[in-house]
């Protein structure tokens, strides 16, 4: 269980940190995905901040601050549920695997953070 907790949490940290940087850098694929689902480009820094805060909170949870880790994982679950809803509302399915991928890791991190 400890190995799964560490591995899943590390992956969730890395992917959310990378997405945070991509949002702040306004990488073309991020801008295109946001535009496709109707999210204004001006929101990208805020979305990047949320993902970055989630990654930092998961790192705090991994370091022993379980309540912070649980809150961060729960926040990421909520974030990616909203992303999934945005894709479905906009009928943008060609890249829906992205939010699903992030949501699955967020749920797994949350479950393992609670169990730890």
Protein backbone atom coordinates (compact mmCIF):
# COMPACT_ATOMS: atom_id res chain seq x y z
CA UNK A 1 0.00 0.00 0.00
CA UNK A 2 2.85 2.38 0.84
CA UNK A 3 4.43 1.89 -2.61
CA UNK A 4 1.12 2.60 -4.36
CA UNK A 5 0.58 5.70 -2.21
CA UNK A 6 4.00 7.08 -3.06
CA UNK A 7 3.92 6.14 -6.75
CA UNK A 8 0.41 7.44 -7.49
CA UNK A 9 0.95 10.62 -5.51
CA UNK A 10 4.27 11.31 -7.25
CA UNK A 11 2.69 10.83 -10.67
CA UNK A 12 -0.21 13.12 -9.70
CA UNK A 13 2.27 15.75 -8.49
CA UNK A 14 4.34 15.61 -11.67
CA UNK A 15 1.43 15.71 -14.12
CA UNK A 16 -0.32 18.55 -12.32
CA UNK A 17 2.89 20.55 -11.93
CA UNK A 18 3.58 20.08 -15.65
CA UNK A 19 0.05 21.19 -16.53
CA UNK A 20 0.43 24.19 -14.24
CA UNK A 21 3.59 25.27 -16.05
CA UNK A 22 1.90 24.67 -19.43
CA UNK A 23 -0.99 26.92 -18.37
CA UNK A 24 1.29 29.73 -17.21
CA UNK A 25 3.38 29.42 -20.38
CA UNK A 26 0.21 29.38 -22.49
CA UNK A 27 1.51 26.47 -24.53
CA UNK A 28 -0.41 26.25 -27.84
CA UNK A 29 -2.14 22.94 -27.04
CA UNK A 30 -3.38 24.36 -23.75
CA UNK A 31 -4.77 27.45 -25.47
CA UNK A 32 -6.41 25.29 -28.15
CA UNK A 33 -8.00 22.96 -25.59
CA UNK A 34 -9.30 25.89 -23.55
CA UNK A 35 -10.74 27.58 -26.63
CA UNK A 36 -12.39 24.34 -27.76
CA UNK A 37 -14.40 24.09 -24.54
CA UNK A 38 -15.13 27.81 -24.28
CA UNK A 39 -12.65 28.72 -21.55
CA UNK A 40 -11.19 32.21 -22.08
CA UNK A 41 -7.42 32.42 -22.42
CA UNK A 42 -7.40 34.93 -19.57
CA UNK A 43 -8.37 32.08 -17.21
CA UNK A 44 -5.23 30.05 -17.94
CA UNK A 45 -3.06 31.56 -15.18
CA UNK A 46 -5.80 30.94 -12.59
CA UNK A 47 -6.27 27.38 -13.78
CA UNK A 48 -2.50 26.92 -13.69
CA UNK A 49 -2.45 28.28 -10.16
CA UNK A 50 -5.11 25.78 -9.09
CA UNK A 51 -3.19 22.84 -10.60
CA UNK A 52 0.07 24.07 -9.10
CA UNK A 53 -1.52 24.48 -5.68
CA UNK A 54 -2.90 20.96 -6.00
CA UNK A 55 0.54 19.59 -6.83
CA UNK A 56 2.10 21.43 -3.87
CA UNK A 57 -0.65 20.21 -1.55
CA UNK A 58 -0.12 16.64 -2.69
CA UNK A 59 3.60 17.04 -2.01
CA UNK A 60 2.76 18.30 1.49
CA UNK A 61 0.54 15.25 2.00
CA UNK A 62 3.34 12.99 0.83
CA UNK A 63 5.64 14.72 3.31
CA UNK A 64 3.30 13.88 6.18
CA UNK A 65 0.73 16.67 6.25
CA UNK A 66 -2.17 14.34 5.49
CA UNK A 67 -5.00 16.88 5.91
CA UNK A 68 -3.32 19.18 3.37
CA UNK A 69 -2.82 16.28 0.97
CA UNK A 70 -6.45 15.19 1.31
CA UNK A 71 -7.68 18.74 0.71
CA UNK A 72 -5.41 19.11 -2.33
CA UNK A 73 -6.49 15.79 -3.81
CA UNK A 74 -10.16 16.62 -3.22
CA UNK A 75 -9.65 19.99 -4.88
CA UNK A 76 -8.05 18.34 -7.90
CA UNK A 77 -10.91 15.85 -8.14
CA UNK A 78 -13.38 18.74 -8.16
CA UNK A 79 -11.26 20.63 -10.71
CA UNK A 80 -11.13 17.72 -13.14
CA UNK A 81 -14.82 16.87 -12.70
CA UNK A 82 -15.48 20.46 -13.79
CA UNK A 83 -13.08 20.04 -16.72
CA UNK A 84 -14.89 16.88 -17.74
CA UNK A 85 -18.26 18.66 -17.51
CA UNK A 86 -16.88 21.53 -19.64
CA UNK A 87 -15.84 19.04 -22.32
CA UNK A 88 -19.21 17.30 -22.29
CA UNK A 89 -21.18 20.58 -22.34
CA UNK A 90 -19.11 21.82 -25.29
CA UNK A 91 -19.40 18.42 -27.00
CA UNK A 92 -15.60 18.26 -27.29
CA UNK A 93 -14.80 14.58 -27.14
CA UNK A 94 -11.65 14.28 -29.25
CA UNK A 95 -9.47 15.20 -26.26
CA UNK A 96 -11.67 14.12 -23.36
CA UNK A 97 -9.13 11.47 -22.42
CA UNK A 98 -6.99 14.25 -20.90
CA UNK A 99 -9.41 15.30 -18.16
CA UNK A 100 -10.33 11.65 -17.54
CA UNK A 101 -6.64 10.75 -17.11
CA UNK A 102 -6.10 13.58 -14.62
CA UNK A 103 -9.35 12.79 -12.81
CA UNK A 104 -8.42 9.13 -12.38
CA UNK A 105 -5.05 10.04 -10.85
CA UNK A 106 -6.69 12.65 -8.62
CA UNK A 107 -9.26 10.14 -7.36
CA UNK A 108 -6.56 7.53 -6.78
CA UNK A 109 -4.39 10.05 -4.92
CA UNK A 110 -7.35 11.08 -2.79
CA UNK A 111 -8.27 7.50 -1.91
CA UNK A 112 -4.69 6.58 -1.07
CA UNK A 113 -4.13 9.81 0.87
CA UNK A 114 -7.21 9.04 2.99
CA UNK A 115 -6.17 5.41 3.48
CA UNK A 116 -2.61 6.36 4.42
